[in-house]
């Protein structure tokens, strides 16, 4: 069995595993099976969302794992129709009902949706939820520094986590620097570049995999960890699930971290959260 991931202490006191399982685009049945299996392998963080439509399966997988709830870290996210002070609380209750859980370890606003214009109210609602104990940590997903400035200025409450699209092709330097300065943990989604596997096939990644005797995916995940990031990585393949978690027994040389970072294609390669969202 691979080891469990080390944790990072969040602003509001929760300890979050630095590597966990993403569940998009699994359906309920696949999520139930894969999550039970992944937890058996040593995963302790599971990431889902309203928009994934698999929270019921995620909750069943958590229960089927047989691991005590307090040893697991469950994240979910909500869509723009819940962007409001009271609506955010209702969104949390819906997530918990579907998951069949008593509390969430982390709840995120999935996208800022600036055209909708209500993400500050959603953040005020999350700040209140933190006080109830139904949610242990609160955060944002796909928020740019300008969005984060606005919610922090409005509430004085700093997110525990900002989950953003991040890989060697989209290194998001400005967001990472901003988050670090504020004490926000940056968590990478699509960390190895998504389903197409383009990052894994990059000649630089392939050559480093040969150098270290690791898979391309392991090299890229290790790059995230070397940069101090947390990671949610999706797989439903048993062998790859095990490989993805087995990235804590080696380190990349600083020059090799730089080589991977130099693959960045700029901010334009990431989904623009001023334009896209749900």
C-alpha atoms as a PDB file:
ATOM      1  CA  UNK A   1       0.000   0.000   0.000  1.00  0.00           C
ATOM      2  CA  UNK A   2       1.247   3.499  -0.828  1.00  0.00           C
ATOM      3  CA  UNK A   3       1.667   5.848   2.139  1.00  0.00           C
ATOM      4  CA  UNK A   4      -0.935   8.455   2.957  1.00  0.00           C
ATOM      5  CA  UNK A   5      -0.054  11.979   1.856  1.00  0.00           C
ATOM      6  CA  UNK A   6       1.391  14.453   4.357  1.00  0.00           C
ATOM      7  CA  UNK A   7      -0.903  17.290   5.380  1.00  0.00           C
ATOM      8  CA  UNK A   8      -0.740  21.076   5.317  1.00  0.00           C
ATOM      9  CA  UNK A   9      -2.258  23.269   8.042  1.00  0.00           C
ATOM     10  CA  UNK A  10      -4.906  25.637   6.651  1.00  0.00           C
ATOM     11  CA  UNK A  11      -5.600  29.208   7.794  1.00  0.00           C
ATOM     12  CA  UNK A  12      -8.613  28.226   9.907  1.00  0.00           C
ATOM     13  CA  UNK A  13      -6.864  25.273  11.549  1.00  0.00           C
ATOM     14  CA  UNK A  14      -7.822  22.197   9.499  1.00  0.00           C
ATOM     15  CA  UNK A  15      -5.139  19.810   8.241  1.00  0.00           C
ATOM     16  CA  UNK A  16      -5.543  18.985   4.539  1.00  0.00           C
ATOM     17  CA  UNK A  17      -3.724  16.161   2.723  1.00  0.00           C
ATOM     18  CA  UNK A  18      -1.415  17.588   0.067  1.00  0.00           C
ATOM     19  CA  UNK A  19      -2.550  15.038  -2.513  1.00  0.00           C
ATOM     20  CA  UNK A  20      -6.021  13.659  -3.011  1.00  0.00           C
ATOM     21  CA  UNK A  21      -8.452  12.154  -5.472  1.00  0.00           C
ATOM     22  CA  UNK A  22     -10.383  14.273  -7.967  1.00  0.00           C
ATOM     23  CA  UNK A  23     -13.657  12.736  -9.170  1.00  0.00           C
ATOM     24  CA  UNK A  24     -14.622  14.607 -12.363  1.00  0.00           C
ATOM     25  CA  UNK A  25     -16.100  13.144 -14.616  1.00  0.00           C
ATOM     26  CA  UNK A  26     -17.070   9.997 -12.671  1.00  0.00           C
ATOM     27  CA  UNK A  27     -20.746   9.101 -12.297  1.00  0.00           C
ATOM     28  CA  UNK A  28     -22.196   7.882  -8.994  1.00  0.00           C
ATOM     29  CA  UNK A  29     -21.479   4.197  -9.624  1.00  0.00           C
ATOM     30  CA  UNK A  30     -17.872   4.754 -10.689  1.00  0.00           C
ATOM     31  CA  UNK A  31     -17.266   7.235  -7.870  1.00  0.00           C
ATOM     32  CA  UNK A  32     -18.505   4.766  -5.246  1.00  0.00           C
ATOM     33  CA  UNK A  33     -16.220   2.003  -6.534  1.00  0.00           C
ATOM     34  CA  UNK A  34     -13.116   4.117  -7.172  1.00  0.00           C
ATOM     35  CA  UNK A  35     -13.290   6.064  -3.902  1.00  0.00           C
ATOM     36  CA  UNK A  36     -13.589   2.952  -1.764  1.00  0.00           C
ATOM     37  CA  UNK A  37     -10.618   1.502  -3.657  1.00  0.00           C
ATOM     38  CA  UNK A  38      -8.562   4.717  -3.466  1.00  0.00           C
ATOM     39  CA  UNK A  39      -9.110   5.089   0.284  1.00  0.00           C
ATOM     40  CA  UNK A  40      -7.981   1.472   0.648  1.00  0.00           C
ATOM     41  CA  UNK A  41      -4.766   2.404  -1.170  1.00  0.00           C
ATOM     42  CA  UNK A  42      -4.107   5.297   1.210  1.00  0.00           C
ATOM     43  CA  UNK A  43      -5.937   8.326  -0.236  1.00  0.00           C
ATOM     44  CA  UNK A  44      -7.447  10.498   2.474  1.00  0.00           C
ATOM     45  CA  UNK A  45      -8.727  13.505   0.470  1.00  0.00           C
ATOM     46  CA  UNK A  46     -11.669  13.200  -1.934  1.00  0.00           C
ATOM     47  CA  UNK A  47     -12.754  16.143  -4.106  1.00  0.00           C
ATOM     48  CA  UNK A  48     -16.226  16.457  -5.621  1.00  0.00           C
ATOM     49  CA  UNK A  49     -18.657  19.227  -6.616  1.00  0.00           C
ATOM     50  CA  UNK A  50     -22.311  19.938  -7.243  1.00  0.00           C
ATOM     51  CA  UNK A  51     -21.525  20.202 -10.947  1.00  0.00           C
ATOM     52  CA  UNK A  52     -19.942  16.733 -11.080  1.00  0.00           C
ATOM     53  CA  UNK A  53     -23.312  15.159 -10.180  1.00  0.00           C
ATOM     54  CA  UNK A  54     -21.595  12.336  -8.307  1.00  0.00           C
ATOM     55  CA  UNK A  55     -21.819  13.431  -4.659  1.00  0.00           C
ATOM     56  CA  UNK A  56     -24.150  10.564  -3.745  1.00  0.00           C
ATOM     57  CA  UNK A  57     -21.639   8.059  -5.125  1.00  0.00           C
ATOM     58  CA  UNK A  58     -18.769   9.825  -3.379  1.00  0.00           C
ATOM     59  CA  UNK A  59     -20.579   9.570  -0.054  1.00  0.00           C
ATOM     60  CA  UNK A  60     -21.290   5.877  -0.591  1.00  0.00           C
ATOM     61  CA  UNK A  61     -17.641   5.285  -1.459  1.00  0.00           C
ATOM     62  CA  UNK A  62     -16.533   7.051   1.713  1.00  0.00           C
ATOM     63  CA  UNK A  63     -18.822   4.818   3.778  1.00  0.00           C
ATOM     64  CA  UNK A  64     -17.832   1.654   1.906  1.00  0.00           C
ATOM     65  CA  UNK A  65     -14.148   2.327   2.589  1.00  0.00           C
ATOM     66  CA  UNK A  66     -14.558   1.459   6.258  1.00  0.00           C
ATOM     67  CA  UNK A  67     -12.136   4.233   7.251  1.00  0.00           C
ATOM     68  CA  UNK A  68     -13.266   6.499  10.092  1.00  0.00           C
ATOM     69  CA  UNK A  69     -14.827   9.756   8.873  1.00  0.00           C
ATOM     70  CA  UNK A  70     -12.445  11.907  10.931  1.00  0.00           C
ATOM     71  CA  UNK A  71      -9.481  10.395   9.077  1.00  0.00           C
ATOM     72  CA  UNK A  72     -10.858  11.582   5.726  1.00  0.00           C
ATOM     73  CA  UNK A  73     -11.003  15.025   4.107  1.00  0.00           C
ATOM     74  CA  UNK A  74     -14.015  15.608   1.848  1.00  0.00           C
ATOM     75  CA  UNK A  75     -14.259  18.685  -0.391  1.00  0.00           C
ATOM     76  CA  UNK A  76     -17.245  19.881  -2.411  1.00  0.00           C
ATOM     77  CA  UNK A  77     -18.124  23.022  -4.388  1.00  0.00           C
ATOM     78  CA  UNK A  78     -21.323  24.856  -5.332  1.00  0.00           C
ATOM     79  CA  UNK A  79     -22.595  26.657  -8.426  1.00  0.00           C
ATOM     80  CA  UNK A  80     -23.597  30.278  -8.981  1.00  0.00           C
ATOM     81  CA  UNK A  81     -27.297  29.836  -8.161  1.00  0.00           C
ATOM     82  CA  UNK A  82     -26.174  29.571  -4.509  1.00  0.00           C
ATOM     83  CA  UNK A  83     -24.224  32.839  -4.573  1.00  0.00           C
ATOM     84  CA  UNK A  84     -25.870  34.587  -1.636  1.00  0.00           C
ATOM     85  CA  UNK A  85     -25.387  34.843   2.132  1.00  0.00           C
ATOM     86  CA  UNK A  86     -28.241  32.479   3.040  1.00  0.00           C
ATOM     87  CA  UNK A  87     -28.032  30.557  -0.229  1.00  0.00           C
ATOM     88  CA  UNK A  88     -24.480  29.416   0.566  1.00  0.00           C
ATOM     89  CA  UNK A  89     -25.748  27.744   3.742  1.00  0.00           C
ATOM     90  CA  UNK A  90     -28.488  26.043   1.736  1.00  0.00           C
ATOM     91  CA  UNK A  91     -25.875  24.882  -0.793  1.00  0.00           C
ATOM     92  CA  UNK A  92     -23.876  23.324   2.038  1.00  0.00           C
ATOM     93  CA  UNK A  93     -26.910  21.454   3.362  1.00  0.00           C
ATOM     94  CA  UNK A  94     -27.673  20.080  -0.107  1.00  0.00           C
ATOM     95  CA  UNK A  95     -24.087  18.893  -0.491  1.00  0.00           C
ATOM     96  CA  UNK A  96     -24.243  17.188   2.908  1.00  0.00           C
ATOM     97  CA  UNK A  97     -27.616  15.570   2.151  1.00  0.00           C
ATOM     98  CA  UNK A  98     -26.337  14.088  -1.099  1.00  0.00           C
ATOM     99  CA  UNK A  99     -23.048  12.968   0.438  1.00  0.00           C
ATOM    100  CA  UNK A 100     -24.799  11.563   3.512  1.00  0.00           C
ATOM    101  CA  UNK A 101     -22.294  13.306   5.784  1.00  0.00           C
ATOM    102  CA  UNK A 102     -22.596  15.414   8.947  1.00  0.00           C
ATOM    103  CA  UNK A 103     -19.928  17.937   7.944  1.00  0.00           C
ATOM    104  CA  UNK A 104     -17.685  18.961   5.066  1.00  0.00           C
ATOM    105  CA  UNK A 105     -13.964  19.378   5.526  1.00  0.00           C
ATOM    106  CA  UNK A 106     -13.831  22.025   2.798  1.00  0.00           C
ATOM    107  CA  UNK A 107     -16.501  23.861   0.798  1.00  0.00           C
ATOM    108  CA  UNK A 108     -15.559  25.993  -2.200  1.00  0.00           C
ATOM    109  CA  UNK A 109     -17.267  28.554  -4.419  1.00  0.00           C
ATOM    110  CA  UNK A 110     -16.698  26.707  -7.702  1.00  0.00           C
ATOM    111  CA  UNK A 111     -16.350  29.736 -10.017  1.00  0.00           C
ATOM    112  CA  UNK A 112     -16.516  33.473  -9.295  1.00  0.00           C
ATOM    113  CA  UNK A 113     -18.969  34.180 -12.161  1.00  0.00           C
ATOM    114  CA  UNK A 114     -18.299  37.951 -12.034  1.00  0.00           C
ATOM    115  CA  UNK A 115     -21.110  38.659 -14.525  1.00  0.00           C
ATOM    116  CA  UNK A 116     -23.511  37.185 -11.948  1.00  0.00           C
ATOM    117  CA  UNK A 117     -21.998  39.637  -9.461  1.00  0.00           C
ATOM    118  CA  UNK A 118     -22.737  37.738  -6.229  1.00  0.00           C
ATOM    119  CA  UNK A 119     -19.556  35.954  -5.263  1.00  0.00           C
ATOM    120  CA  UNK A 120     -18.862  38.364  -2.377  1.00  0.00           C
ATOM    121  CA  UNK A 121     -22.241  37.489  -0.848  1.00  0.00           C
ATOM    122  CA  UNK A 122     -21.451  33.785  -1.340  1.00  0.00           C
ATOM    123  CA  UNK A 123     -18.197  34.324   0.536  1.00  0.00           C
ATOM    124  CA  UNK A 124     -19.999  36.099   3.383  1.00  0.00           C
ATOM    125  CA  UNK A 125     -22.254  33.044   3.611  1.00  0.00           C
ATOM    126  CA  UNK A 126     -19.285  30.687   3.747  1.00  0.00           C
ATOM    127  CA  UNK A 127     -17.653  32.759   6.489  1.00  0.00           C
ATOM    128  CA  UNK A 128     -20.805  32.337   8.586  1.00  0.00           C
ATOM    129  CA  UNK A 129     -20.876  28.594   7.885  1.00  0.00           C
ATOM    130  CA  UNK A 130     -17.390  28.238   9.292  1.00  0.00           C
ATOM    131  CA  UNK A 131     -18.739  29.316  12.667  1.00  0.00           C
ATOM    132  CA  UNK A 132     -21.390  26.557  12.688  1.00  0.00           C
ATOM    133  CA  UNK A 133     -18.955  23.636  12.451  1.00  0.00           C
ATOM    134  CA  UNK A 134     -20.836  22.142   9.485  1.00  0.00           C
ATOM    135  CA  UNK A 135     -17.872  23.153   7.354  1.00  0.00           C
ATOM    136  CA  UNK A 136     -14.308  22.937   8.720  1.00  0.00           C
ATOM    137  CA  UNK A 137     -12.596  25.012   6.027  1.00  0.00           C
ATOM    138  CA  UNK A 138     -13.785  27.355   3.291  1.00  0.00           C
ATOM    139  CA  UNK A 139     -12.286  28.391   0.012  1.00  0.00           C
ATOM    140  CA  UNK A 140     -12.538  29.374  -3.594  1.00  0.00           C
ATOM    141  CA  UNK A 141     -12.012  27.703  -6.923  1.00  0.00           C
ATOM    142  CA  UNK A 142     -10.820  29.478 -10.063  1.00  0.00           C
ATOM    143  CA  UNK A 143     -10.521  32.854  -8.302  1.00  0.00           C
ATOM    144  CA  UNK A 144      -7.965  35.318  -9.657  1.00  0.00           C
ATOM    145  CA  UNK A 145      -6.107  37.719  -7.331  1.00  0.00           C
ATOM    146  CA  UNK A 146      -8.603  40.508  -8.190  1.00  0.00           C
ATOM    147  CA  UNK A 147     -11.530  38.286  -7.136  1.00  0.00           C
ATOM    148  CA  UNK A 148      -9.752  37.299  -3.922  1.00  0.00           C
ATOM    149  CA  UNK A 149      -8.942  40.928  -3.103  1.00  0.00           C
ATOM    150  CA  UNK A 150     -12.615  41.752  -3.319  1.00  0.00           C
ATOM    151  CA  UNK A 151     -13.870  39.046  -0.959  1.00  0.00           C
ATOM    152  CA  UNK A 152     -11.065  39.573   1.569  1.00  0.00           C
ATOM    153  CA  UNK A 153     -11.621  43.352   1.558  1.00  0.00           C
ATOM    154  CA  UNK A 154     -15.360  42.822   2.054  1.00  0.00           C
ATOM    155  CA  UNK A 155     -15.139  40.325   4.911  1.00  0.00           C
ATOM    156  CA  UNK A 156     -11.634  40.259   6.387  1.00  0.00           C
ATOM    157  CA  UNK A 157     -11.825  36.472   5.958  1.00  0.00           C
ATOM    158  CA  UNK A 158      -9.023  34.780   4.009  1.00  0.00           C
ATOM    159  CA  UNK A 159      -9.812  31.545   2.118  1.00  0.00           C
ATOM    160  CA  UNK A 160      -8.163  28.362   3.351  1.00  0.00           C
ATOM    161  CA  UNK A 161      -7.711  27.109  -0.215  1.00  0.00           C
ATOM    162  CA  UNK A 162      -7.843  28.470  -3.761  1.00  0.00           C
ATOM    163  CA  UNK A 163      -8.205  25.583  -6.206  1.00  0.00           C
ATOM    164  CA  UNK A 164      -7.086  26.532  -9.721  1.00  0.00           C
ATOM    165  CA  UNK A 165      -6.181  24.929 -13.042  1.00  0.00           C
ATOM    166  CA  UNK A 166      -2.438  24.435 -12.756  1.00  0.00           C
ATOM    167  CA  UNK A 167       0.156  22.275 -14.531  1.00  0.00           C
ATOM    168  CA  UNK A 168       3.588  22.751 -16.134  1.00  0.00           C
ATOM    169  CA  UNK A 169       1.707  24.189 -19.138  1.00  0.00           C
ATOM    170  CA  UNK A 170      -0.274  26.618 -16.928  1.00  0.00           C
ATOM    171  CA  UNK A 171       1.979  27.547 -13.998  1.00  0.00           C
ATOM    172  CA  UNK A 172      -0.223  30.471 -12.798  1.00  0.00           C
ATOM    173  CA  UNK A 173       2.694  32.367 -11.276  1.00  0.00           C
ATOM    174  CA  UNK A 174       0.707  35.486 -10.290  1.00  0.00           C
ATOM    175  CA  UNK A 175      -2.006  33.460  -8.546  1.00  0.00           C
ATOM    176  CA  UNK A 176       0.500  31.277  -6.720  1.00  0.00           C
ATOM    177  CA  UNK A 177       2.435  34.310  -5.494  1.00  0.00           C
ATOM    178  CA  UNK A 178      -0.738  36.063  -4.329  1.00  0.00           C
ATOM    179  CA  UNK A 179      -2.031  32.977  -2.510  1.00  0.00           C
ATOM    180  CA  UNK A 180       1.328  32.400  -0.791  1.00  0.00           C
ATOM    181  CA  UNK A 181       1.461  35.999   0.408  1.00  0.00           C
ATOM    182  CA  UNK A 182      -2.017  35.683   1.961  1.00  0.00           C
ATOM    183  CA  UNK A 183      -1.410  32.240   3.501  1.00  0.00           C
ATOM    184  CA  UNK A 184      -3.886  30.597   1.111  1.00  0.00           C
ATOM    185  CA  UNK A 185      -3.010  27.052   0.026  1.00  0.00           C
ATOM    186  CA  UNK A 186      -3.057  26.733  -3.765  1.00  0.00           C
ATOM    187  CA  UNK A 187      -4.534  23.393  -4.835  1.00  0.00           C
ATOM    188  CA  UNK A 188      -4.051  22.319  -8.449  1.00  0.00           C
ATOM    189  CA  UNK A 189      -6.850  20.877 -10.551  1.00  0.00           C
ATOM    190  CA  UNK A 190      -6.034  19.144 -13.849  1.00  0.00           C
ATOM    191  CA  UNK A 191      -2.477  18.863 -12.450  1.00  0.00           C
ATOM    192  CA  UNK A 192      -1.150  16.603 -15.181  1.00  0.00           C
ATOM    193  CA  UNK A 193      -2.875  18.511 -17.956  1.00  0.00           C
ATOM    194  CA  UNK A 194      -6.223  16.775 -18.342  1.00  0.00           C
ATOM    195  CA  UNK A 195      -7.512  13.757 -20.223  1.00  0.00           C
ATOM    196  CA  UNK A 196      -5.483  14.270 -23.408  1.00  0.00           C
ATOM    197  CA  UNK A 197      -2.241  13.475 -21.604  1.00  0.00           C
ATOM    198  CA  UNK A 198      -0.354  16.162 -23.524  1.00  0.00           C
ATOM    199  CA  UNK A 199       1.776  17.175 -20.528  1.00  0.00           C
ATOM    200  CA  UNK A 200       2.686  13.556 -19.800  1.00  0.00           C
ATOM    201  CA  UNK A 201       3.866  13.149 -23.400  1.00  0.00           C
ATOM    202  CA  UNK A 202       6.014  16.298 -23.382  1.00  0.00           C
ATOM    203  CA  UNK A 203       9.651  15.413 -24.252  1.00  0.00           C
ATOM    204  CA  UNK A 204      10.933  17.215 -21.131  1.00  0.00           C
ATOM    205  CA  UNK A 205       8.588  15.218 -18.891  1.00  0.00           C
ATOM    206  CA  UNK A 206       9.396  11.942 -20.646  1.00  0.00           C
ATOM    207  CA  UNK A 207      13.155  12.521 -20.320  1.00  0.00           C
ATOM    208  CA  UNK A 208      12.835  13.318 -16.606  1.00  0.00           C
ATOM    209  CA  UNK A 209      10.741  10.189 -16.102  1.00  0.00           C
ATOM    210  CA  UNK A 210      13.600   8.174 -17.584  1.00  0.00           C
ATOM    211  CA  UNK A 211      16.162  10.023 -15.459  1.00  0.00           C
ATOM    212  CA  UNK A 212      14.337   9.360 -12.175  1.00  0.00           C
ATOM    213  CA  UNK A 213      12.928   5.930 -13.037  1.00  0.00           C
ATOM    214  CA  UNK A 214       9.385   7.189 -12.494  1.00  0.00           C
ATOM    215  CA  UNK A 215       6.268   7.558 -14.638  1.00  0.00           C
ATOM    216  CA  UNK A 216       5.646  10.885 -16.417  1.00  0.00           C
ATOM    217  CA  UNK A 217       2.604  11.430 -14.193  1.00  0.00           C
ATOM    218  CA  UNK A 218       4.700  10.950 -11.054  1.00  0.00           C
ATOM    219  CA  UNK A 219       7.259  13.486 -12.305  1.00  0.00           C
ATOM    220  CA  UNK A 220       4.562  16.109 -12.874  1.00  0.00           C
ATOM    221  CA  UNK A 221       2.864  15.474  -9.526  1.00  0.00           C
ATOM    222  CA  UNK A 222       6.221  15.739  -7.769  1.00  0.00           C
ATOM    223  CA  UNK A 223       6.752  19.105  -9.502  1.00  0.00           C
ATOM    224  CA  UNK A 224       3.568  20.394  -7.864  1.00  0.00           C
ATOM    225  CA  UNK A 225       4.752  19.226  -4.454  1.00  0.00           C
ATOM    226  CA  UNK A 226       8.199  20.801  -4.933  1.00  0.00           C
ATOM    227  CA  UNK A 227       6.419  24.124  -5.574  1.00  0.00           C
ATOM    228  CA  UNK A 228       4.542  23.788  -2.273  1.00  0.00           C
ATOM    229  CA  UNK A 229       1.190  23.111  -3.919  1.00  0.00           C
ATOM    230  CA  UNK A 230      -1.589  20.715  -2.982  1.00  0.00           C
ATOM    231  CA  UNK A 231      -3.043  18.499  -5.706  1.00  0.00           C
ATOM    232  CA  UNK A 232      -6.344  16.843  -6.620  1.00  0.00           C
ATOM    233  CA  UNK A 233      -5.659  14.261  -9.326  1.00  0.00           C
ATOM    234  CA  UNK A 234      -8.293  12.098 -11.030  1.00  0.00           C
ATOM    235  CA  UNK A 235      -7.840   8.491 -12.041  1.00  0.00           C
ATOM    236  CA  UNK A 236     -10.066   5.437 -11.984  1.00  0.00           C
ATOM    237  CA  UNK A 237      -7.327   3.010 -13.039  1.00  0.00           C
ATOM    238  CA  UNK A 238      -6.073   0.968 -10.042  1.00  0.00           C
ATOM    239  CA  UNK A 239      -2.416   0.980 -11.144  1.00  0.00           C
ATOM    240  CA  UNK A 240      -2.402   4.707 -11.794  1.00  0.00           C
ATOM    241  CA  UNK A 241      -4.222   5.433  -8.525  1.00  0.00           C
ATOM    242  CA  UNK A 242      -1.345   3.725  -6.736  1.00  0.00           C
ATOM    243  CA  UNK A 243       1.330   5.467  -8.823  1.00  0.00           C
ATOM    244  CA  UNK A 244      -0.220   8.904  -8.295  1.00  0.00           C
ATOM    245  CA  UNK A 245      -0.022   8.544  -4.521  1.00  0.00           C
ATOM    246  CA  UNK A 246       3.519   7.171  -4.608  1.00  0.00           C
ATOM    247  CA  UNK A 247       5.264  10.533  -5.103  1.00  0.00           C
ATOM    248  CA  UNK A 248       6.591  11.209  -1.609  1.00  0.00           C
ATOM    249  CA  UNK A 249       9.673   8.980  -1.732  1.00  0.00           C
ATOM    250  CA  UNK A 250      11.763  11.038  -4.146  1.00  0.00           C
ATOM    251  CA  UNK A 251      12.615  14.659  -4.943  1.00  0.00           C
ATOM    252  CA  UNK A 252      13.332  16.551  -8.131  1.00  0.00           C
ATOM    253  CA  UNK A 253      16.551  18.512  -8.449  1.00  0.00           C
ATOM    254  CA  UNK A 254      15.894  22.295  -8.453  1.00  0.00           C
ATOM    255  CA  UNK A 255      17.134  22.575 -12.053  1.00  0.00           C
ATOM    256  CA  UNK A 256      14.578  19.963 -13.128  1.00  0.00           C
ATOM    257  CA  UNK A 257      11.771  21.836 -11.349  1.00  0.00           C
ATOM    258  CA  UNK A 258      12.845  24.885 -13.381  1.00  0.00           C
ATOM    259  CA  UNK A 259      12.823  22.869 -16.613  1.00  0.00           C
ATOM    260  CA  UNK A 260       9.228  21.864 -15.994  1.00  0.00           C
ATOM    261  CA  UNK A 261       8.165  25.386 -15.009  1.00  0.00           C
ATOM    262  CA  UNK A 262       9.689  26.684 -18.250  1.00  0.00           C
ATOM    263  CA  UNK A 263       7.026  24.713 -20.181  1.00  0.00           C
ATOM    264  CA  UNK A 264       4.447  27.351 -19.153  1.00  0.00           C
ATOM    265  CA  UNK A 265       2.231  28.532 -22.007  1.00  0.00           C
ATOM    266  CA  UNK A 266       0.928  31.577 -20.171  1.00  0.00           C
ATOM    267  CA  UNK A 267      -2.291  32.571 -18.457  1.00  0.00           C
ATOM    268  CA  UNK A 268      -4.173  32.291 -21.762  1.00  0.00           C
ATOM    269  CA  UNK A 269      -3.767  28.501 -21.690  1.00  0.00           C
ATOM    270  CA  UNK A 270      -6.026  28.244 -18.619  1.00  0.00           C
ATOM    271  CA  UNK A 271      -9.811  28.606 -18.554  1.00  0.00           C
ATOM    272  CA  UNK A 272     -10.616  32.302 -18.025  1.00  0.00           C
ATOM    273  CA  UNK A 273     -12.747  32.587 -14.889  1.00  0.00           C
ATOM    274  CA  UNK A 274     -13.825  36.117 -15.863  1.00  0.00           C
ATOM    275  CA  UNK A 275     -15.562  34.545 -18.876  1.00  0.00           C
ATOM    276  CA  UNK A 276     -16.324  30.929 -17.937  1.00  0.00           C
ATOM    277  CA  UNK A 277     -18.159  29.503 -14.945  1.00  0.00           C
ATOM    278  CA  UNK A 278     -21.232  27.693 -13.663  1.00  0.00           C
END
